[in-house]
């Protein structure tokens, strides 16, 4: 699901949130 958000808005803010989510779920 995170990849979808990253592909939806490759602006940077979405990527940051996705990375943070992944980091928290690491």
Protein backbone atom coordinates (compact mmCIF):
# COMPACT_ATOMS: atom_id res chain seq x y z
CA UNK A 1 0.00 0.00 0.00
CA UNK A 2 2.90 2.31 0.76
CA UNK A 3 4.26 1.88 -2.75
CA UNK A 4 0.90 3.04 -4.13
CA UNK A 5 1.11 6.28 -2.18
CA UNK A 6 4.67 6.83 -3.35
CA UNK A 7 3.58 6.30 -6.96
CA UNK A 8 0.50 8.45 -6.48
CA UNK A 9 2.39 11.53 -5.41
CA UNK A 10 6.13 11.37 -6.19
CA UNK A 11 6.46 14.93 -4.94
CA UNK A 12 8.49 14.17 -1.81
CA UNK A 13 6.04 14.60 1.05
CA UNK A 14 4.33 11.31 0.30
CA UNK A 15 7.71 9.61 -0.09
CA UNK A 16 8.76 10.94 3.31
CA UNK A 17 5.62 9.57 4.95
CA UNK A 18 6.09 6.23 3.18
CA UNK A 19 9.73 6.05 4.28
CA UNK A 20 8.76 6.94 7.85
CA UNK A 21 6.09 4.25 7.85
CA UNK A 22 8.59 1.71 6.56
CA UNK A 23 11.16 2.79 9.12
CA UNK A 24 8.65 2.41 11.93
CA UNK A 25 7.64 -1.00 10.59
CA UNK A 26 11.22 -2.16 10.23
